[in-house]
Amino acid sequence: MPLDPQLDPIFQSAADQYGLKPEFLKAVALTESSGNPTAVGPATRTGEHAGGLMQIMPETAKYLGVTDPNDPAQAIPGAARYLAEGLLKTGTPEGALGHYYGAQDPGYINGVLKTFRHRSDCANVMGDVLTDDSIATRGSENKLSFFICKDN
């Protein structure tokens, strides 16, 4: 299922708010739920399920103030906040994805980054492509900004 283009403004707004590329958020959504806003993930050991477009776990949803993970208007900004927090903690997109996923799972991380690269004009952050561009830098408002993609 492709992402609904009507969600583009939500992705853009959340990306702008948290200093991320909208394509990165979309790659997470496609990897997590295949673009399905009402997706339900498999049960965890405790019987909980991640839900919605961004597959947010119930405890994480509470932490983020997301009352309805099936509402993209709540889930996308919540996910962007959580990814930005992970980026601040770890300093890398891979670390941010591990934070989001709850584990440093190479299959998940590589899957998101592969989707991200296919959806945008981006460098391969898993290899040696990045030379002059840093992955992240602090902006004037002390926000972390993604610089994985080469700007034209």
N, C-alpha and C. Protein backbone atom coordinates (compact mmCIF):
# COMPACT_ATOMS: atom_id res chain seq x y z
N MET A 1 0.85 -1.18 0.00
CA MET A 1 0.00 0.00 0.00
C MET A 1 0.90 1.24 0.00
N PRO A 2 0.76 2.10 -1.00
CA PRO A 2 1.56 3.34 -0.99
C PRO A 2 1.01 4.33 0.03
N LEU A 3 1.82 5.30 0.36
CA LEU A 3 1.38 6.34 1.29
C LEU A 3 0.36 7.24 0.62
N ASP A 4 -0.64 7.62 1.35
CA ASP A 4 -1.66 8.54 0.86
C ASP A 4 -1.04 9.91 0.68
N PRO A 5 -1.08 10.47 -0.53
CA PRO A 5 -0.48 11.80 -0.76
C PRO A 5 -1.11 12.91 0.09
N GLN A 6 -2.33 12.66 0.59
CA GLN A 6 -2.95 13.66 1.47
C GLN A 6 -2.20 13.79 2.79
N LEU A 7 -1.34 12.82 3.10
CA LEU A 7 -0.55 12.89 4.34
C LEU A 7 0.72 13.72 4.17
N ASP A 8 1.05 14.09 2.93
CA ASP A 8 2.29 14.84 2.69
C ASP A 8 2.44 16.09 3.56
N PRO A 9 1.39 16.91 3.72
CA PRO A 9 1.54 18.09 4.57
C PRO A 9 1.85 17.75 6.03
N ILE A 10 1.32 16.63 6.52
CA ILE A 10 1.59 16.21 7.90
C ILE A 10 3.05 15.78 8.02
N PHE A 11 3.51 14.98 7.04
CA PHE A 11 4.91 14.57 7.05
C PHE A 11 5.83 15.79 6.98
N GLN A 12 5.51 16.74 6.11
CA GLN A 12 6.34 17.93 5.95
C GLN A 12 6.37 18.76 7.23
N SER A 13 5.21 18.98 7.82
CA SER A 13 5.13 19.78 9.04
C SER A 13 5.92 19.13 10.18
N ALA A 14 5.75 17.82 10.36
CA ALA A 14 6.47 17.12 11.43
C ALA A 14 7.97 17.13 11.16
N ALA A 15 8.35 16.95 9.91
CA ALA A 15 9.77 16.99 9.55
C ALA A 15 10.36 18.36 9.85
N ASP A 16 9.65 19.39 9.46
CA ASP A 16 10.12 20.76 9.72
C ASP A 16 10.24 21.03 11.22
N GLN A 17 9.26 20.59 11.98
CA GLN A 17 9.25 20.84 13.42
C GLN A 17 10.43 20.19 14.12
N TYR A 18 10.82 19.00 13.67
CA TYR A 18 11.86 18.26 14.37
C TYR A 18 13.18 18.16 13.61
N GLY A 19 13.31 18.90 12.51
CA GLY A 19 14.57 18.95 11.79
C GLY A 19 14.92 17.66 11.06
N LEU A 20 13.91 16.96 10.55
CA LEU A 20 14.12 15.72 9.82
C LEU A 20 13.70 15.91 8.37
N LYS A 21 14.13 15.00 7.52
CA LYS A 21 13.66 14.99 6.14
C LYS A 21 12.32 14.27 6.10
N PRO A 22 11.32 14.79 5.38
CA PRO A 22 10.03 14.11 5.30
C PRO A 22 10.17 12.72 4.68
N GLU A 23 11.12 12.56 3.76
CA GLU A 23 11.33 11.25 3.14
C GLU A 23 11.78 10.21 4.17
N PHE A 24 12.51 10.66 5.19
CA PHE A 24 12.94 9.76 6.25
C PHE A 24 11.73 9.27 7.05
N LEU A 25 10.83 10.18 7.39
CA LEU A 25 9.61 9.80 8.12
C LEU A 25 8.75 8.88 7.27
N LYS A 26 8.67 9.16 5.99
CA LYS A 26 7.88 8.30 5.09
C LYS A 26 8.49 6.91 4.99
N ALA A 27 9.81 6.84 4.98
CA ALA A 27 10.48 5.54 4.92
C ALA A 27 10.17 4.72 6.17
N VAL A 28 10.12 5.38 7.32
CA VAL A 28 9.75 4.68 8.55
C VAL A 28 8.32 4.18 8.45
N ALA A 29 7.41 5.03 7.97
CA ALA A 29 6.00 4.63 7.84
C ALA A 29 5.84 3.44 6.90
N LEU A 30 6.53 3.48 5.78
CA LEU A 30 6.43 2.38 4.82
C LEU A 30 7.01 1.09 5.38
N THR A 31 8.11 1.21 6.11
CA THR A 31 8.73 0.02 6.70
C THR A 31 7.88 -0.53 7.83
N GLU A 32 7.34 0.35 8.64
CA GLU A 32 6.56 -0.07 9.81
C GLU A 32 5.20 -0.66 9.44
N SER A 33 4.48 0.00 8.55
CA SER A 33 3.07 -0.37 8.32
C SER A 33 2.71 -0.56 6.85
N SER A 34 3.68 -0.45 5.96
CA SER A 34 3.42 -0.48 4.51
C SER A 34 2.44 0.62 4.11
N GLY A 35 2.40 1.69 4.88
CA GLY A 35 1.53 2.82 4.57
C GLY A 35 0.11 2.70 5.06
N ASN A 36 -0.17 1.71 5.89
CA ASN A 36 -1.53 1.47 6.38
C ASN A 36 -1.74 2.19 7.72
N PRO A 37 -2.59 3.22 7.75
CA PRO A 37 -2.80 3.99 8.98
C PRO A 37 -3.49 3.21 10.11
N THR A 38 -4.09 2.06 9.78
CA THR A 38 -4.76 1.27 10.82
C THR A 38 -4.07 -0.08 11.04
N ALA A 39 -2.82 -0.18 10.64
CA ALA A 39 -2.08 -1.44 10.81
C ALA A 39 -1.94 -1.78 12.30
N VAL A 40 -1.96 -3.07 12.58
CA VAL A 40 -1.75 -3.58 13.93
C VAL A 40 -0.56 -4.53 13.88
N GLY A 41 0.45 -4.25 14.69
CA GLY A 41 1.63 -5.08 14.70
C GLY A 41 1.41 -6.36 15.48
N PRO A 42 2.37 -7.29 15.37
CA PRO A 42 2.25 -8.54 16.13
C PRO A 42 2.34 -8.29 17.63
N ALA A 43 1.80 -9.20 18.39
CA ALA A 43 1.83 -9.06 19.85
C ALA A 43 3.25 -9.22 20.37
N THR A 44 3.60 -8.42 21.36
CA THR A 44 4.88 -8.56 22.04
C THR A 44 4.76 -9.63 23.11
N ARG A 45 5.83 -9.85 23.86
CA ARG A 45 5.79 -10.82 24.98
C ARG A 45 4.71 -10.48 25.98
N THR A 46 4.44 -9.17 26.12
CA THR A 46 3.44 -8.74 27.10
C THR A 46 2.03 -8.69 26.52
N GLY A 47 1.90 -9.03 25.24
CA GLY A 47 0.59 -9.02 24.60
C GLY A 47 0.20 -7.69 23.99
N GLU A 48 1.06 -6.70 24.07
CA GLU A 48 0.76 -5.39 23.48
C GLU A 48 1.05 -5.41 21.98
N HIS A 49 0.37 -4.52 21.28
CA HIS A 49 0.55 -4.38 19.84
C HIS A 49 0.92 -2.94 19.51
N ALA A 50 1.85 -2.76 18.58
CA ALA A 50 2.09 -1.43 18.02
C ALA A 50 0.94 -1.15 17.07
N GLY A 51 0.63 0.12 16.90
CA GLY A 51 -0.50 0.43 16.05
C GLY A 51 -0.30 1.64 15.17
N GLY A 52 -1.06 1.65 14.09
CA GLY A 52 -1.13 2.80 13.21
C GLY A 52 -0.04 2.86 12.16
N LEU A 53 -0.06 3.92 11.41
CA LEU A 53 0.87 4.17 10.32
C LEU A 53 2.32 4.08 10.77
N MET A 54 2.61 4.61 11.95
CA MET A 54 3.98 4.66 12.44
C MET A 54 4.28 3.54 13.44
N GLN A 55 3.31 2.66 13.68
CA GLN A 55 3.46 1.49 14.56
C GLN A 55 4.02 1.89 15.94
N ILE A 56 3.29 2.73 16.62
CA ILE A 56 3.70 3.22 17.93
C ILE A 56 3.15 2.30 19.02
N MET A 57 4.04 1.89 19.92
CA MET A 57 3.66 1.03 21.05
C MET A 57 2.85 1.86 22.06
N PRO A 58 1.95 1.22 22.82
CA PRO A 58 1.10 1.95 23.77
C PRO A 58 1.89 2.81 24.77
N GLU A 59 2.94 2.27 25.37
CA GLU A 59 3.73 3.06 26.34
C GLU A 59 4.39 4.26 25.68
N THR A 60 4.90 4.05 24.48
CA THR A 60 5.53 5.15 23.75
C THR A 60 4.49 6.19 23.37
N ALA A 61 3.31 5.75 22.97
CA ALA A 61 2.23 6.68 22.64
C ALA A 61 1.90 7.56 23.84
N LYS A 62 1.80 6.95 25.03
CA LYS A 62 1.54 7.74 26.24
C LYS A 62 2.62 8.77 26.46
N TYR A 63 3.87 8.33 26.36
CA TYR A 63 5.01 9.22 26.54
C TYR A 63 4.95 10.41 25.57
N LEU A 64 4.56 10.13 24.33
CA LEU A 64 4.53 11.16 23.29
C LEU A 64 3.24 11.99 23.30
N GLY A 65 2.26 11.58 24.09
CA GLY A 65 0.98 12.29 24.09
C GLY A 65 0.11 11.93 22.90
N VAL A 66 0.38 10.79 22.27
CA VAL A 66 -0.41 10.32 21.14
C VAL A 66 -1.56 9.49 21.71
N THR A 67 -2.77 10.04 21.62
CA THR A 67 -3.93 9.34 22.18
C THR A 67 -4.53 8.34 21.20
N ASP A 68 -4.28 8.54 19.90
CA ASP A 68 -4.80 7.63 18.88
C ASP A 68 -3.72 7.36 17.84
N PRO A 69 -2.97 6.25 17.97
CA PRO A 69 -1.92 5.95 17.00
C PRO A 69 -2.45 5.72 15.58
N ASN A 70 -3.76 5.48 15.44
CA ASN A 70 -4.35 5.32 14.11
C ASN A 70 -4.65 6.64 13.43
N ASP A 71 -4.45 7.73 14.13
CA ASP A 71 -4.66 9.07 13.57
C ASP A 71 -3.31 9.60 13.08
N PRO A 72 -3.09 9.63 11.76
CA PRO A 72 -1.80 10.10 11.25
C PRO A 72 -1.42 11.51 11.72
N ALA A 73 -2.42 12.36 11.98
CA ALA A 73 -2.13 13.71 12.44
C ALA A 73 -1.47 13.71 13.82
N GLN A 74 -1.67 12.65 14.59
CA GLN A 74 -0.99 12.50 15.88
C GLN A 74 0.25 11.62 15.76
N ALA A 75 0.12 10.54 15.00
CA ALA A 75 1.19 9.54 14.92
C ALA A 75 2.44 10.06 14.23
N ILE A 76 2.28 10.79 13.14
CA ILE A 76 3.46 11.26 12.39
C ILE A 76 4.28 12.24 13.21
N PRO A 77 3.68 13.28 13.81
CA PRO A 77 4.48 14.17 14.65
C PRO A 77 5.07 13.45 15.87
N GLY A 78 4.31 12.52 16.44
CA GLY A 78 4.83 11.76 17.58
C GLY A 78 6.05 10.95 17.19
N ALA A 79 5.97 10.28 16.05
CA ALA A 79 7.10 9.49 15.56
C ALA A 79 8.29 10.40 15.25
N ALA A 80 8.02 11.56 14.65
CA ALA A 80 9.11 12.49 14.33
C ALA A 80 9.81 12.94 15.61
N ARG A 81 9.05 13.23 16.63
CA ARG A 81 9.65 13.63 17.92
C ARG A 81 10.53 12.51 18.47
N TYR A 82 10.01 11.28 18.43
CA TYR A 82 10.74 10.15 18.99
C TYR A 82 12.02 9.87 18.19
N LEU A 83 11.94 9.97 16.88
CA LEU A 83 13.13 9.80 16.05
C LEU A 83 14.15 10.91 16.30
N ALA A 84 13.68 12.15 16.44
CA ALA A 84 14.59 13.26 16.72
C ALA A 84 15.26 13.08 18.07
N GLU A 85 14.52 12.59 19.06
CA GLU A 85 15.12 12.31 20.37
C GLU A 85 16.20 11.24 20.24
N GLY A 86 15.92 10.21 19.45
CA GLY A 86 16.91 9.16 19.22
C GLY A 86 18.14 9.68 18.51
N LEU A 87 17.93 10.60 17.59
CA LEU A 87 19.05 11.20 16.87
C LEU A 87 19.91 12.05 17.81
N LEU A 88 19.25 12.79 18.69
CA LEU A 88 20.00 13.59 19.66
C LEU A 88 20.80 12.70 20.62
N LYS A 89 20.21 11.57 21.02
CA LYS A 89 20.89 10.67 21.95
C LYS A 89 22.06 9.95 21.31
N THR A 90 21.90 9.54 20.07
CA THR A 90 22.89 8.68 19.44
C THR A 90 23.78 9.38 18.43
N GLY A 91 23.27 10.42 17.80
CA GLY A 91 24.05 11.15 16.81
C GLY A 91 24.07 10.54 15.43
N THR A 92 23.37 9.42 15.22
CA THR A 92 23.35 8.79 13.90
C THR A 92 21.93 8.38 13.52
N PRO A 93 21.65 8.33 12.22
CA PRO A 93 20.35 7.82 11.79
C PRO A 93 20.13 6.37 12.21
N GLU A 94 21.19 5.58 12.16
CA GLU A 94 21.08 4.18 12.57
C GLU A 94 20.70 4.09 14.05
N GLY A 95 21.33 4.89 14.87
CA GLY A 95 21.01 4.91 16.30
C GLY A 95 19.60 5.40 16.56
N ALA A 96 19.18 6.41 15.80
CA ALA A 96 17.81 6.93 15.95
C ALA A 96 16.79 5.85 15.59
N LEU A 97 17.08 5.09 14.54
CA LEU A 97 16.16 4.02 14.14
C LEU A 97 16.15 2.90 15.18
N GLY A 98 17.29 2.59 15.75
CA GLY A 98 17.35 1.59 16.81
C GLY A 98 16.55 2.04 18.03
N HIS A 99 16.66 3.32 18.36
CA HIS A 99 15.88 3.91 19.46
C HIS A 99 14.39 3.77 19.17
N TYR A 100 14.01 4.10 17.96
CA TYR A 100 12.60 4.05 17.56
C TYR A 100 12.08 2.62 17.60
N TYR A 101 12.86 1.69 17.07
CA TYR A 101 12.45 0.29 16.96
C TYR A 101 12.53 -0.43 18.30
N GLY A 102 13.34 0.08 19.19
CA GLY A 102 13.51 -0.54 20.49
C GLY A 102 14.64 -1.55 20.52
N ALA A 103 15.39 -1.64 19.44
CA ALA A 103 16.53 -2.56 19.37
C ALA A 103 17.39 -2.18 18.18
N GLN A 104 18.66 -2.48 18.27
CA GLN A 104 19.57 -2.23 17.14
C GLN A 104 19.48 -3.42 16.18
N ASP A 105 18.39 -3.49 15.44
CA ASP A 105 18.14 -4.58 14.51
C ASP A 105 18.63 -4.16 13.12
N PRO A 106 19.73 -4.74 12.65
CA PRO A 106 20.29 -4.33 11.35
C PRO A 106 19.30 -4.51 10.19
N GLY A 107 18.47 -5.55 10.23
CA GLY A 107 17.50 -5.76 9.16
C GLY A 107 16.50 -4.62 9.08
N TYR A 108 16.01 -4.19 10.23
CA TYR A 108 15.05 -3.08 10.27
C TYR A 108 15.73 -1.79 9.83
N ILE A 109 16.87 -1.50 10.42
CA ILE A 109 17.59 -0.25 10.12
C ILE A 109 17.94 -0.17 8.64
N ASN A 110 18.50 -1.25 8.09
CA ASN A 110 18.86 -1.25 6.67
C ASN A 110 17.62 -1.14 5.80
N GLY A 111 16.52 -1.75 6.22
CA GLY A 111 15.28 -1.65 5.45
C GLY A 111 14.75 -0.23 5.36
N VAL A 112 14.76 0.47 6.49
CA VAL A 112 14.30 1.87 6.48
C VAL A 112 15.22 2.72 5.61
N LEU A 113 16.53 2.56 5.81
CA LEU A 113 17.48 3.39 5.06
C LEU A 113 17.44 3.08 3.57
N LYS A 114 17.21 1.83 3.20
CA LYS A 114 17.08 1.47 1.79
C LYS A 114 15.84 2.15 1.20
N THR A 115 14.72 2.09 1.92
CA THR A 115 13.49 2.75 1.46
C THR A 115 13.71 4.25 1.35
N PHE A 116 14.41 4.83 2.33
CA PHE A 116 14.71 6.27 2.33
C PHE A 116 15.51 6.64 1.09
N ARG A 117 16.55 5.89 0.79
CA ARG A 117 17.39 6.20 -0.37
C ARG A 117 16.61 6.07 -1.66
N HIS A 118 15.69 5.11 -1.73
CA HIS A 118 14.91 4.93 -2.96
C HIS A 118 13.86 6.02 -3.15
N ARG A 119 13.45 6.66 -2.07
CA ARG A 119 12.41 7.69 -2.16
C ARG A 119 12.98 9.09 -2.32
N SER A 120 14.29 9.24 -2.26
CA SER A 120 14.87 10.57 -2.34
C SER A 120 16.26 10.50 -2.94
N ASP A 121 16.82 11.65 -3.23
CA ASP A 121 18.16 11.74 -3.80
C ASP A 121 19.15 11.78 -2.64
N CYS A 122 19.46 10.61 -2.10
CA CYS A 122 20.22 10.56 -0.86
C CYS A 122 21.49 9.74 -0.98
N ALA A 123 22.42 10.06 -0.12
CA ALA A 123 23.66 9.30 -0.03
C ALA A 123 23.42 8.01 0.74
N ASN A 124 24.29 7.06 0.55
CA ASN A 124 24.23 5.80 1.28
C ASN A 124 24.90 6.00 2.63
N VAL A 125 24.12 6.13 3.69
CA VAL A 125 24.69 6.40 5.01
C VAL A 125 25.32 5.16 5.62
N MET A 126 25.11 4.01 5.02
CA MET A 126 25.69 2.79 5.56
C MET A 126 27.10 2.56 5.04
N GLY A 127 27.52 3.29 4.04
CA GLY A 127 28.83 3.05 3.45
C GLY A 127 29.74 4.26 3.56
N ASP A 128 30.56 4.44 2.55
CA ASP A 128 31.58 5.48 2.59
C ASP A 128 31.24 6.67 1.71
N VAL A 129 29.98 6.84 1.37
CA VAL A 129 29.59 7.90 0.44
C VAL A 129 29.69 9.28 1.08
N LEU A 130 29.37 9.38 2.37
CA LEU A 130 29.41 10.69 3.03
C LEU A 130 30.85 11.13 3.22
N THR A 131 31.17 12.27 2.69
CA THR A 131 32.52 12.80 2.87
C THR A 131 32.44 14.20 3.46
N ASP A 132 31.95 15.15 2.69
CA ASP A 132 31.89 16.54 3.17
C ASP A 132 30.64 16.83 3.97
N ASP A 133 29.59 16.04 3.76
CA ASP A 133 28.33 16.28 4.46
C ASP A 133 28.34 15.54 5.79
N SER A 134 27.97 16.22 6.84
CA SER A 134 27.81 15.52 8.11
C SER A 134 26.40 14.95 8.16
N ILE A 135 26.21 13.94 8.96
CA ILE A 135 24.89 13.31 9.08
C ILE A 135 23.94 14.25 9.79
N ALA A 136 24.43 14.95 10.78
CA ALA A 136 23.55 15.84 11.54
C ALA A 136 24.37 17.03 12.03
N THR A 137 23.70 18.12 12.21
CA THR A 137 24.34 19.32 12.72
C THR A 137 23.32 20.12 13.52
N ARG A 138 23.77 20.84 14.48
CA ARG A 138 22.85 21.68 15.25
C ARG A 138 22.55 22.96 14.49
N GLY A 139 21.29 23.27 14.40
CA GLY A 139 20.87 24.48 13.72
C GLY A 139 20.84 25.66 14.67
N SER A 140 20.38 26.78 14.17
CA SER A 140 20.38 28.01 14.97
C SER A 140 19.45 27.91 16.17
N GLU A 141 18.44 27.03 16.10
CA GLU A 141 17.51 26.87 17.22
C GLU A 141 17.87 25.64 18.05
N ASN A 142 19.12 25.18 17.95
CA ASN A 142 19.60 24.01 18.69
C ASN A 142 18.82 22.75 18.32
N LYS A 143 18.27 22.72 17.11
CA LYS A 143 17.60 21.52 16.61
C LYS A 143 18.62 20.73 15.82
N LEU A 144 18.47 19.42 15.82
CA LEU A 144 19.31 18.57 15.01
C LEU A 144 18.67 18.47 13.63
N SER A 145 19.44 18.70 12.61
CA SER A 145 18.91 18.64 11.24
C SER A 145 19.58 17.51 10.47
N PHE A 146 18.80 16.79 9.69
CA PHE A 146 19.34 15.71 8.89
C PHE A 146 20.01 16.27 7.65
N PHE A 147 21.20 15.81 7.36
CA PHE A 147 21.89 16.15 6.13
C PHE A 147 22.38 14.87 5.47
N ILE A 148 21.49 13.90 5.37
CA ILE A 148 21.84 12.66 4.69
C ILE A 148 21.74 12.88 3.19
N CYS A 149 20.75 13.64 2.76
CA CYS A 149 20.53 13.86 1.34
C CYS A 149 21.37 15.02 0.86
N LYS A 150 21.79 14.91 -0.36
CA LYS A 150 22.51 16.01 -1.00
C LYS A 150 21.46 16.98 -1.53
N ASP A 151 21.59 18.24 -1.15
CA ASP A 151 20.68 19.24 -1.69
C ASP A 151 21.14 19.64 -3.09
N ASN A 152 20.18 19.81 -3.97
CA ASN A 152 20.54 20.20 -5.35
C ASN A 152 20.67 21.69 -5.47
